[in-house]
Amino acid sequence: MPKVLRSQDMNKCLGCFTCMTVCAATGQQNHSIVKSAIKVRTTGGMDSSFIAIVCIACKEPACTEVCPSDALEHRDGGGVLVRPEKCIGCRQCESACIMRAVNFDEDTNKPIICRHCGICAKFCPHDCLKMVEPDEVKRHA
């Protein structure tokens, strides 16, 4: 079964944004962190810790339920895959996501959603992000 991305040790995160940069470069062929499917930010200022906002790989994602054009396809293991050729740019998926993990590309008028490829975890210099089996998520929840 495909693995899913989890932010497990964010207390070690320094905010280098390497994860966001490699995600944007790999997923969108763009080096702007604005094009990343993962968002790293502080929890309340420069002295606070960082959090990663990313798709949690819902088994029954609300984003697919509201999509009027079937542009979001269920992914094995949880989450969704975007079919850009079907997307009409309505942004309903963005507002339906409880994690606020659907990022919208203003240039292409399409959503950017984590596809759980693991490139961000591979390049995280402090191992803050991990790829785990979906059943591990249930055990640690």
Protein backbone atom coordinates (compact mmCIF):
# COMPACT_ATOMS: atom_id res chain seq x y z
CA MET A 1 0.00 0.00 0.00
CA PRO A 2 1.30 3.52 -0.76
CA LYS A 3 2.71 5.52 2.12
CA VAL A 4 1.44 8.88 3.35
CA LEU A 5 3.29 11.97 4.52
CA ARG A 6 3.31 12.97 8.18
CA SER A 7 5.00 15.79 10.03
CA GLN A 8 6.24 13.98 13.11
CA ASP A 9 9.17 15.90 14.56
CA MET A 10 8.42 19.53 13.75
CA ASN A 11 10.13 20.62 16.97
CA LYS A 12 13.38 20.08 15.03
CA CYS A 13 12.25 22.28 12.11
CA LEU A 14 14.36 25.39 11.54
CA GLY A 15 12.15 26.86 8.84
CA CYS A 16 14.65 26.34 6.01
CA PHE A 17 11.79 25.69 3.54
CA THR A 18 13.79 23.01 1.72
CA CYS A 19 10.70 20.81 1.77
CA MET A 20 8.62 23.52 0.11
CA THR A 21 11.29 24.26 -2.50
CA VAL A 22 11.77 20.64 -3.61
CA CYS A 23 8.00 20.09 -3.61
CA ALA A 24 7.43 23.07 -5.91
CA ALA A 25 10.34 22.12 -8.15
CA THR A 26 9.22 18.50 -8.47
CA GLY A 27 5.46 18.92 -8.53
CA GLN A 28 5.09 22.20 -10.39
CA GLN A 29 8.46 22.61 -12.14
CA ASN A 30 8.79 25.95 -10.34
CA HIS A 31 11.23 27.00 -7.60
CA SER A 32 8.84 29.39 -5.85
CA ILE A 33 7.63 28.13 -2.47
CA VAL A 34 4.24 29.59 -3.37
CA LYS A 35 3.83 26.61 -5.74
CA SER A 36 4.42 24.03 -3.00
CA ALA A 37 1.80 21.54 -1.79
CA ILE A 38 3.27 21.70 1.73
CA LYS A 39 3.27 24.93 3.74
CA VAL A 40 5.61 25.47 6.68
CA ARG A 41 4.90 28.39 8.98
CA THR A 42 5.35 29.47 12.56
CA THR A 43 2.68 28.90 15.14
CA GLY A 44 2.80 32.50 16.31
CA GLY A 45 5.88 34.58 15.62
CA MET A 46 9.62 34.28 15.28
CA ASP A 47 10.13 32.72 18.73
CA SER A 48 7.58 29.95 18.25
CA SER A 49 7.87 26.53 16.65
CA PHE A 50 7.04 25.60 13.07
CA ILE A 51 4.14 23.55 11.76
CA ALA A 52 3.65 21.85 8.41
CA ILE A 53 0.28 22.17 6.73
CA VAL A 54 -0.19 19.29 4.35
CA CYS A 55 -2.90 16.92 3.13
CA ILE A 56 -3.62 14.32 5.80
CA ALA A 57 -4.71 11.70 3.24
CA CYS A 58 -8.36 11.44 4.26
CA LYS A 59 -10.03 8.15 3.39
CA GLU A 60 -13.18 10.06 2.36
CA PRO A 61 -11.86 13.48 1.36
CA ALA A 62 -14.32 16.36 1.44
CA CYS A 63 -12.46 17.98 -1.46
CA THR A 64 -13.52 15.17 -3.83
CA GLU A 65 -17.11 15.37 -2.64
CA VAL A 66 -17.48 19.05 -3.59
CA CYS A 67 -15.59 18.90 -6.89
CA PRO A 68 -18.20 19.38 -9.64
CA SER A 69 -15.90 18.22 -12.45
CA ASP A 70 -14.40 15.03 -10.93
CA ALA A 71 -10.94 16.58 -11.15
CA LEU A 72 -9.88 14.98 -7.87
CA GLU A 73 -9.32 11.25 -7.90
CA HIS A 74 -9.04 9.09 -4.77
CA ARG A 75 -5.48 7.97 -4.15
CA ASP A 76 -4.65 4.46 -2.92
CA GLY A 77 -3.72 4.83 0.75
CA GLY A 78 -5.73 8.02 1.18
CA GLY A 79 -5.78 11.53 -0.20
CA VAL A 80 -6.32 12.64 -3.77
CA LEU A 81 -4.61 13.11 -7.10
CA VAL A 82 -5.43 16.18 -9.19
CA ARG A 83 -6.44 15.69 -12.82
CA PRO A 84 -5.77 19.23 -14.08
CA GLU A 85 -7.39 18.66 -17.47
CA LYS A 86 -10.75 18.20 -15.72
CA CYS A 87 -10.40 21.08 -13.23
CA ILE A 88 -12.58 24.13 -13.90
CA GLY A 89 -10.91 26.30 -11.25
CA CYS A 90 -13.98 26.69 -9.03
CA ARG A 91 -11.90 26.49 -5.80
CA GLN A 92 -14.55 24.49 -3.94
CA CYS A 93 -11.90 21.93 -2.97
CA GLU A 94 -9.92 24.68 -1.29
CA SER A 95 -12.73 25.68 1.05
CA ALA A 96 -13.81 22.07 1.70
CA CYS A 97 -10.45 20.94 3.10
CA ILE A 98 -10.56 20.91 6.91
CA MET A 99 -6.75 21.13 7.07
CA ARG A 100 -6.54 24.07 4.65
CA ALA A 101 -4.08 21.92 2.74
CA VAL A 102 -5.40 22.70 -0.75
CA ASN A 103 -3.22 25.43 -2.17
CA PHE A 104 -4.38 27.26 -5.25
CA ASP A 105 -2.14 28.22 -8.15
CA GLU A 106 -3.31 31.61 -9.37
CA ASP A 107 -1.28 31.26 -12.58
CA THR A 108 -2.81 27.96 -13.72
CA ASN A 109 -6.14 28.35 -11.89
CA LYS A 110 -5.70 24.82 -10.50
CA PRO A 111 -5.30 23.35 -7.01
CA ILE A 112 -1.96 22.15 -5.69
CA ILE A 113 -2.49 19.20 -3.34
CA CYS A 114 0.12 16.90 -1.82
CA ARG A 115 0.32 13.63 -3.71
CA HIS A 116 2.37 11.98 -0.96
CA CYS A 117 5.38 11.39 -3.19
CA GLY A 118 7.80 11.86 -0.27
CA ILE A 119 10.26 14.19 -1.98
CA CYS A 120 9.90 16.73 0.85
CA ALA A 121 10.67 14.09 3.49
CA LYS A 122 13.65 12.85 1.51
CA PHE A 123 15.23 16.31 1.42
CA CYS A 124 14.29 17.54 4.93
CA PRO A 125 17.70 18.05 6.60
CA HIS A 126 16.32 17.41 10.10
CA ASP A 127 13.94 14.48 9.43
CA CYS A 128 10.86 16.46 10.47
CA LEU A 129 8.75 14.81 7.78
CA LYS A 130 8.22 11.08 7.39
CA MET A 131 6.53 8.74 4.96
CA VAL A 132 4.55 6.14 6.90
CA GLU A 133 2.22 3.26 6.18
CA PRO A 134 -1.46 4.30 6.47
CA ASP A 135 -2.01 1.79 9.30
CA GLU A 136 0.81 3.48 11.30
CA VAL A 137 -1.19 6.71 11.18
CA LYS A 138 -4.08 4.98 12.98
CA ARG A 139 -1.81 3.53 15.69
CA HIS A 140 -0.28 6.93 16.49
CA ALA A 141 -3.45 9.01 16.26
